[in-house]
Amino acid sequence: MSMEAIREFVARYRWTPGPGVSNNEIVAAERALGPFPGGYREFLSEFGWLEFGSCEVYGLGSGKPDYMDVVRMTLSERAQPAVPLPESWVCVMNDGAGNLFSFDTNLVASGAENSPIFGTTSWEMIRISKSWHHHFRSG
């Protein structure tokens, strides 16, 4: 799945996008969290972040509330005492019902272009889709 498909998804469901960010902003976030998959880097570059009702895709850039900042939210979720996010995971989406969607930076660091998206609830972690771009197919 390409960025074109994500653009169509955003238009069809009328998600509110951010303005996109520079490569320097992406690199700074990766220094804090670990390497991002290519698809998420493309997303950040073009959109920065997305919002639709109570569903939010965390990201970077201007105009987003603090609670949608990928670095801030990932570090916060990693520090949760009850069910901490694994240290190598980056939280990229909250569906508004407390379910988090994340990717694994260890997979990207090992040479994989993409990481599956994992869903996290208060009781389990499951694989949701095979990559960042494929996650938008379910829309």
N, C-alpha and C. Protein backbone atom coordinates (compact mmCIF):
# COMPACT_ATOMS: atom_id res chain seq x y z
N MET A 1 0.85 -1.18 0.00
CA MET A 1 0.00 0.00 0.00
C MET A 1 0.89 1.24 0.00
N SER A 2 0.50 2.23 -0.74
CA SER A 2 1.31 3.42 -0.94
C SER A 2 0.75 4.62 -0.19
N MET A 3 1.51 5.70 -0.24
CA MET A 3 1.02 6.95 0.34
C MET A 3 -0.24 7.41 -0.38
N GLU A 4 -0.36 7.10 -1.66
CA GLU A 4 -1.58 7.47 -2.40
C GLU A 4 -2.81 6.85 -1.75
N ALA A 5 -2.69 5.60 -1.32
CA ALA A 5 -3.81 4.94 -0.66
C ALA A 5 -4.13 5.62 0.68
N ILE A 6 -3.11 6.06 1.38
CA ILE A 6 -3.35 6.76 2.64
C ILE A 6 -4.01 8.11 2.36
N ARG A 7 -3.56 8.80 1.31
CA ARG A 7 -4.22 10.06 0.93
C ARG A 7 -5.70 9.85 0.64
N GLU A 8 -6.02 8.78 -0.09
CA GLU A 8 -7.41 8.47 -0.40
C GLU A 8 -8.20 8.16 0.87
N PHE A 9 -7.60 7.41 1.80
CA PHE A 9 -8.22 7.08 3.08
C PHE A 9 -8.55 8.37 3.84
N VAL A 10 -7.57 9.28 3.91
CA VAL A 10 -7.75 10.55 4.62
C VAL A 10 -8.88 11.36 3.99
N ALA A 11 -8.92 11.41 2.66
CA ALA A 11 -9.96 12.17 1.97
C ALA A 11 -11.34 11.52 2.14
N ARG A 12 -11.39 10.20 1.99
CA ARG A 12 -12.68 9.49 2.06
C ARG A 12 -13.32 9.62 3.43
N TYR A 13 -12.52 9.50 4.48
CA TYR A 13 -13.07 9.53 5.83
C TYR A 13 -12.95 10.90 6.49
N ARG A 14 -12.44 11.88 5.74
CA ARG A 14 -12.34 13.27 6.20
C ARG A 14 -11.56 13.42 7.51
N TRP A 15 -10.42 12.74 7.57
CA TRP A 15 -9.51 12.91 8.69
C TRP A 15 -8.87 14.29 8.58
N THR A 16 -8.54 14.90 9.71
CA THR A 16 -7.85 16.19 9.73
C THR A 16 -6.36 15.93 9.80
N PRO A 17 -5.60 16.31 8.75
CA PRO A 17 -4.15 16.09 8.76
C PRO A 17 -3.40 17.30 9.28
N GLY A 18 -2.17 17.05 9.74
CA GLY A 18 -1.25 18.12 10.08
C GLY A 18 -0.53 18.58 8.82
N PRO A 19 0.43 19.49 8.98
CA PRO A 19 1.11 20.06 7.81
C PRO A 19 2.32 19.27 7.31
N GLY A 20 2.71 18.20 7.97
CA GLY A 20 3.92 17.50 7.57
C GLY A 20 5.13 18.12 8.24
N VAL A 21 6.22 17.35 8.32
CA VAL A 21 7.42 17.83 9.03
C VAL A 21 8.67 17.59 8.20
N SER A 22 9.75 18.21 8.62
CA SER A 22 11.04 18.08 7.94
C SER A 22 11.74 16.78 8.35
N ASN A 23 12.71 16.39 7.54
CA ASN A 23 13.51 15.22 7.87
C ASN A 23 14.24 15.43 9.19
N ASN A 24 14.69 16.64 9.51
CA ASN A 24 15.37 16.91 10.78
C ASN A 24 14.47 16.62 11.97
N GLU A 25 13.19 16.95 11.87
CA GLU A 25 12.25 16.66 12.97
C GLU A 25 12.05 15.15 13.13
N ILE A 26 12.01 14.44 12.02
CA ILE A 26 11.85 12.98 12.08
C ILE A 26 13.08 12.35 12.71
N VAL A 27 14.26 12.78 12.30
CA VAL A 27 15.51 12.24 12.84
C VAL A 27 15.60 12.50 14.35
N ALA A 28 15.19 13.67 14.80
CA ALA A 28 15.21 13.98 16.23
C ALA A 28 14.29 13.04 17.01
N ALA A 29 13.12 12.76 16.46
CA ALA A 29 12.19 11.83 17.12
C ALA A 29 12.77 10.42 17.14
N GLU A 30 13.42 10.02 16.05
CA GLU A 30 14.03 8.68 16.00
C GLU A 30 15.16 8.57 17.02
N ARG A 31 15.89 9.64 17.26
CA ARG A 31 16.94 9.61 18.29
C ARG A 31 16.34 9.31 19.66
N ALA A 32 15.15 9.83 19.90
CA ALA A 32 14.50 9.62 21.20
C ALA A 32 13.85 8.25 21.33
N LEU A 33 13.35 7.70 20.20
CA LEU A 33 12.51 6.50 20.28
C LEU A 33 13.07 5.26 19.58
N GLY A 34 13.92 5.45 18.58
CA GLY A 34 14.39 4.34 17.75
C GLY A 34 13.97 4.56 16.32
N PRO A 35 14.50 3.76 15.38
CA PRO A 35 14.22 3.98 13.96
C PRO A 35 12.76 3.71 13.58
N PHE A 36 12.25 4.57 12.70
CA PHE A 36 10.87 4.43 12.22
C PHE A 36 10.86 3.67 10.90
N PRO A 37 9.80 2.91 10.64
CA PRO A 37 9.67 2.27 9.33
C PRO A 37 9.51 3.34 8.24
N GLY A 38 9.89 2.98 7.02
CA GLY A 38 9.81 3.91 5.89
C GLY A 38 8.43 4.50 5.70
N GLY A 39 7.40 3.68 5.84
CA GLY A 39 6.04 4.16 5.65
C GLY A 39 5.63 5.22 6.66
N TYR A 40 6.06 5.05 7.92
CA TYR A 40 5.73 6.05 8.94
C TYR A 40 6.52 7.33 8.71
N ARG A 41 7.77 7.20 8.25
CA ARG A 41 8.58 8.38 7.92
C ARG A 41 7.89 9.17 6.79
N GLU A 42 7.39 8.46 5.77
CA GLU A 42 6.67 9.13 4.68
C GLU A 42 5.43 9.84 5.20
N PHE A 43 4.69 9.15 6.06
CA PHE A 43 3.49 9.72 6.67
C PHE A 43 3.82 11.01 7.41
N LEU A 44 4.87 10.97 8.26
CA LEU A 44 5.25 12.16 9.02
C LEU A 44 5.64 13.30 8.09
N SER A 45 6.37 12.98 7.06
CA SER A 45 6.82 13.99 6.11
C SER A 45 5.64 14.68 5.41
N GLU A 46 4.64 13.91 5.05
CA GLU A 46 3.50 14.48 4.33
C GLU A 46 2.40 15.03 5.24
N PHE A 47 2.05 14.31 6.28
CA PHE A 47 0.92 14.70 7.12
C PHE A 47 1.31 15.20 8.51
N GLY A 48 2.35 14.66 9.09
CA GLY A 48 2.73 15.03 10.46
C GLY A 48 1.92 14.29 11.50
N TRP A 49 0.60 14.37 11.41
CA TRP A 49 -0.33 13.70 12.33
C TRP A 49 -1.72 13.71 11.68
N LEU A 50 -2.63 12.91 12.24
CA LEU A 50 -4.01 12.85 11.74
C LEU A 50 -4.98 12.77 12.91
N GLU A 51 -6.18 13.30 12.70
CA GLU A 51 -7.22 13.23 13.74
C GLU A 51 -8.58 13.06 13.07
N PHE A 52 -9.38 12.19 13.66
CA PHE A 52 -10.76 11.99 13.21
C PHE A 52 -11.58 11.62 14.43
N GLY A 53 -12.37 12.55 14.94
CA GLY A 53 -13.16 12.28 16.14
C GLY A 53 -12.24 11.87 17.28
N SER A 54 -12.53 10.71 17.86
CA SER A 54 -11.71 10.25 18.98
C SER A 54 -10.53 9.40 18.53
N CYS A 55 -10.35 9.18 17.24
CA CYS A 55 -9.20 8.43 16.72
C CYS A 55 -8.10 9.42 16.37
N GLU A 56 -6.90 9.12 16.83
CA GLU A 56 -5.77 10.01 16.60
C GLU A 56 -4.58 9.20 16.14
N VAL A 57 -3.88 9.69 15.12
CA VAL A 57 -2.62 9.10 14.70
C VAL A 57 -1.54 10.05 15.18
N TYR A 58 -0.75 9.56 16.14
CA TYR A 58 0.28 10.40 16.73
C TYR A 58 1.35 10.75 15.71
N GLY A 59 1.96 11.90 15.90
CA GLY A 59 2.98 12.33 14.98
C GLY A 59 3.78 13.49 15.51
N LEU A 60 4.19 14.34 14.58
CA LEU A 60 5.05 15.48 14.87
C LEU A 60 4.50 16.70 14.14
N GLY A 61 4.98 17.87 14.53
CA GLY A 61 4.65 19.07 13.79
C GLY A 61 3.72 20.02 14.51
N SER A 62 3.46 21.12 13.85
CA SER A 62 2.64 22.18 14.44
C SER A 62 1.16 21.84 14.36
N GLY A 63 0.40 22.47 15.26
CA GLY A 63 -1.05 22.36 15.22
C GLY A 63 -1.63 21.17 15.95
N LYS A 64 -0.82 20.23 16.37
CA LYS A 64 -1.35 19.06 17.07
C LYS A 64 -1.34 19.31 18.58
N PRO A 65 -2.31 18.76 19.29
CA PRO A 65 -2.28 18.85 20.75
C PRO A 65 -1.10 18.03 21.31
N ASP A 66 -0.64 18.37 22.50
CA ASP A 66 0.47 17.64 23.12
C ASP A 66 0.19 16.14 23.22
N TYR A 67 -1.07 15.77 23.46
CA TYR A 67 -1.39 14.36 23.63
C TYR A 67 -1.30 13.56 22.32
N MET A 68 -0.99 14.23 21.21
CA MET A 68 -0.81 13.53 19.94
C MET A 68 0.66 13.52 19.49
N ASP A 69 1.56 13.97 20.36
CA ASP A 69 2.99 13.98 20.04
C ASP A 69 3.54 12.57 20.22
N VAL A 70 4.07 11.99 19.14
CA VAL A 70 4.53 10.59 19.16
C VAL A 70 5.63 10.37 20.19
N VAL A 71 6.55 11.31 20.35
CA VAL A 71 7.62 11.14 21.32
C VAL A 71 7.06 11.20 22.74
N ARG A 72 6.31 12.23 23.03
CA ARG A 72 5.74 12.39 24.38
C ARG A 72 4.86 11.20 24.77
N MET A 73 3.96 10.79 23.87
CA MET A 73 3.03 9.71 24.21
C MET A 73 3.73 8.35 24.32
N THR A 74 4.71 8.10 23.45
CA THR A 74 5.43 6.82 23.53
C THR A 74 6.21 6.73 24.84
N LEU A 75 6.93 7.79 25.20
CA LEU A 75 7.67 7.78 26.46
C LEU A 75 6.74 7.62 27.64
N SER A 76 5.57 8.25 27.58
CA SER A 76 4.58 8.12 28.65
C SER A 76 4.07 6.68 28.74
N GLU A 77 3.74 6.07 27.60
CA GLU A 77 3.23 4.69 27.60
C GLU A 77 4.30 3.70 28.04
N ARG A 78 5.55 3.95 27.71
CA ARG A 78 6.63 3.07 28.15
C ARG A 78 6.82 3.12 29.66
N ALA A 79 6.43 4.23 30.28
CA ALA A 79 6.60 4.41 31.73
C ALA A 79 5.38 3.98 32.54
N GLN A 80 4.30 3.54 31.90
CA GLN A 80 3.10 3.13 32.63
C GLN A 80 3.41 1.94 33.54
N PRO A 81 3.08 2.03 34.82
CA PRO A 81 3.42 0.93 35.73
C PRO A 81 2.59 -0.34 35.52
N ALA A 82 1.34 -0.22 35.15
CA ALA A 82 0.47 -1.41 35.05
C ALA A 82 0.81 -2.25 33.83
N VAL A 83 0.74 -1.67 32.65
CA VAL A 83 1.03 -2.38 31.40
C VAL A 83 1.92 -1.48 30.54
N PRO A 84 3.23 -1.49 30.83
CA PRO A 84 4.10 -0.60 30.05
C PRO A 84 4.26 -1.09 28.61
N LEU A 85 4.37 -0.14 27.71
CA LEU A 85 4.68 -0.45 26.33
C LEU A 85 6.13 -0.95 26.29
N PRO A 86 6.42 -2.01 25.55
CA PRO A 86 7.81 -2.46 25.45
C PRO A 86 8.73 -1.33 24.98
N GLU A 87 9.96 -1.31 25.49
CA GLU A 87 10.91 -0.23 25.20
C GLU A 87 11.18 -0.02 23.72
N SER A 88 11.05 -1.04 22.91
CA SER A 88 11.34 -0.90 21.48
C SER A 88 10.10 -0.52 20.66
N TRP A 89 8.96 -0.41 21.29
CA TRP A 89 7.73 -0.09 20.57
C TRP A 89 7.48 1.41 20.56
N VAL A 90 6.91 1.88 19.45
CA VAL A 90 6.51 3.28 19.30
C VAL A 90 5.01 3.31 19.11
N CYS A 91 4.33 4.03 20.00
CA CYS A 91 2.87 4.15 19.96
C CYS A 91 2.49 5.19 18.92
N VAL A 92 1.69 4.78 17.92
CA VAL A 92 1.35 5.70 16.84
C VAL A 92 -0.14 6.03 16.72
N MET A 93 -0.98 5.32 17.45
CA MET A 93 -2.40 5.59 17.31
C MET A 93 -3.15 5.18 18.57
N ASN A 94 -4.18 5.95 18.87
CA ASN A 94 -5.10 5.63 19.94
C ASN A 94 -6.49 5.68 19.32
N ASP A 95 -7.28 4.63 19.53
CA ASP A 95 -8.60 4.59 18.89
C ASP A 95 -9.71 5.27 19.69
N GLY A 96 -9.33 5.88 20.81
CA GLY A 96 -10.32 6.58 21.63
C GLY A 96 -10.97 5.71 22.68
N ALA A 97 -10.73 4.40 22.61
CA ALA A 97 -11.30 3.47 23.59
C ALA A 97 -10.20 2.88 24.48
N GLY A 98 -9.01 3.48 24.44
CA GLY A 98 -7.91 3.00 25.27
C GLY A 98 -7.02 1.98 24.59
N ASN A 99 -7.30 1.66 23.34
CA ASN A 99 -6.47 0.71 22.61
C ASN A 99 -5.39 1.46 21.86
N LEU A 100 -4.15 0.99 22.01
CA LEU A 100 -3.01 1.63 21.37
C LEU A 100 -2.52 0.79 20.21
N PHE A 101 -1.99 1.44 19.18
CA PHE A 101 -1.42 0.77 18.02
C PHE A 101 0.03 1.21 17.90
N SER A 102 0.93 0.24 17.77
CA SER A 102 2.36 0.51 17.85
C SER A 102 3.14 -0.30 16.83
N PHE A 103 4.37 0.13 16.56
CA PHE A 103 5.30 -0.68 15.77
C PHE A 103 6.56 -0.92 16.60
N ASP A 104 7.36 -1.90 16.18
CA ASP A 104 8.55 -2.32 16.92
C ASP A 104 9.80 -1.80 16.22
N THR A 105 10.54 -0.91 16.89
CA THR A 105 11.75 -0.35 16.30
C THR A 105 12.86 -1.40 16.16
N ASN A 106 12.82 -2.47 16.96
CA ASN A 106 13.82 -3.53 16.82
C ASN A 106 13.75 -4.17 15.45
N LEU A 107 12.54 -4.34 14.93
CA LEU A 107 12.39 -4.94 13.59
C LEU A 107 12.97 -4.02 12.52
N VAL A 108 12.75 -2.71 12.66
CA VAL A 108 13.29 -1.75 11.70
C VAL A 108 14.82 -1.71 11.81
N ALA A 109 15.34 -1.70 13.03
CA ALA A 109 16.79 -1.66 13.25
C ALA A 109 17.48 -2.90 12.69
N SER A 110 16.76 -4.02 12.64
CA SER A 110 17.36 -5.26 12.14
C SER A 110 17.34 -5.33 10.61
N GLY A 111 16.86 -4.28 9.97
CA GLY A 111 16.90 -4.21 8.51
C GLY A 111 15.55 -4.35 7.83
N ALA A 112 14.50 -4.61 8.58
CA ALA A 112 13.17 -4.71 7.98
C ALA A 112 12.70 -3.31 7.56
N GLU A 113 12.15 -3.19 6.37
CA GLU A 113 11.65 -1.90 5.91
C GLU A 113 10.40 -1.51 6.69
N ASN A 114 9.61 -2.50 7.10
CA ASN A 114 8.38 -2.24 7.83
C ASN A 114 8.30 -3.10 9.08
N SER A 115 7.48 -2.69 9.98
CA SER A 115 7.17 -3.45 11.18
C SER A 115 5.67 -3.67 11.19
N PRO A 116 5.22 -4.84 11.64
CA PRO A 116 3.78 -4.99 11.82
C PRO A 116 3.26 -3.95 12.81
N ILE A 117 1.98 -3.64 12.71
CA ILE A 117 1.34 -2.78 13.70
C ILE A 117 0.72 -3.71 14.74
N PHE A 118 1.03 -3.44 16.00
CA PHE A 118 0.51 -4.23 17.10
C PHE A 118 -0.55 -3.44 17.85
N GLY A 119 -1.61 -4.11 18.27
CA GLY A 119 -2.64 -3.49 19.09
C GLY A 119 -2.39 -3.86 20.53
N THR A 120 -2.58 -2.90 21.42
CA THR A 120 -2.35 -3.11 22.84
C THR A 120 -3.59 -2.70 23.61
N THR A 121 -4.12 -3.62 24.40
CA THR A 121 -5.20 -3.30 25.32
C THR A 121 -4.65 -3.49 26.73
N SER A 122 -5.47 -3.34 27.72
CA SER A 122 -4.98 -3.51 29.09
C SER A 122 -4.67 -4.96 29.42
N TRP A 123 -5.03 -5.89 28.54
CA TRP A 123 -4.77 -7.30 28.86
C TRP A 123 -4.01 -8.08 27.80
N GLU A 124 -3.78 -7.52 26.61
CA GLU A 124 -3.06 -8.28 25.59
C GLU A 124 -2.44 -7.39 24.53
N MET A 125 -1.47 -7.96 23.80
CA MET A 125 -0.85 -7.30 22.66
C MET A 125 -1.00 -8.25 21.48
N ILE A 126 -1.58 -7.77 20.38
CA ILE A 126 -1.79 -8.63 19.21
C ILE A 126 -1.35 -7.91 17.93
N ARG A 127 -0.99 -8.69 16.93
CA ARG A 127 -0.62 -8.12 15.63
C ARG A 127 -1.91 -7.72 14.90
N ILE A 128 -1.96 -6.48 14.43
CA ILE A 128 -3.14 -5.94 13.77
C ILE A 128 -2.98 -5.97 12.25
N SER A 129 -1.83 -5.54 11.76
CA SER A 129 -1.58 -5.51 10.32
C SER A 129 -0.09 -5.70 10.06
N LYS A 130 0.26 -6.01 8.81
CA LYS A 130 1.66 -6.35 8.54
C LYS A 130 2.58 -5.15 8.37
N SER A 131 2.04 -3.95 8.18
CA SER A 131 2.90 -2.77 8.05
C SER A 131 2.07 -1.50 8.26
N TRP A 132 2.78 -0.37 8.33
CA TRP A 132 2.13 0.93 8.49
C TRP A 132 1.14 1.19 7.37
N HIS A 133 1.57 1.04 6.11
CA HIS A 133 0.67 1.29 4.97
C HIS A 133 -0.52 0.34 4.97
N HIS A 134 -0.30 -0.92 5.28
CA HIS A 134 -1.39 -1.89 5.27
C HIS A 134 -2.43 -1.63 6.35
N HIS A 135 -2.04 -0.94 7.39
CA HIS A 135 -2.98 -0.65 8.48
C HIS A 135 -4.17 0.16 7.98
N PHE A 136 -3.98 0.98 6.97
CA PHE A 136 -5.04 1.82 6.44
C PHE A 136 -5.96 1.08 5.48
N ARG A 137 -5.63 -0.13 5.11
CA ARG A 137 -6.51 -0.91 4.23
C ARG A 137 -7.82 -1.28 4.90
N SER A 138 -7.78 -1.45 6.22
CA SER A 138 -8.98 -1.89 6.93
C SER A 138 -10.04 -0.81 6.99
N GLY A 139 -9.68 0.44 6.62
CA GLY A 139 -10.64 1.56 6.66
C GLY A 139 -11.65 1.37 5.68
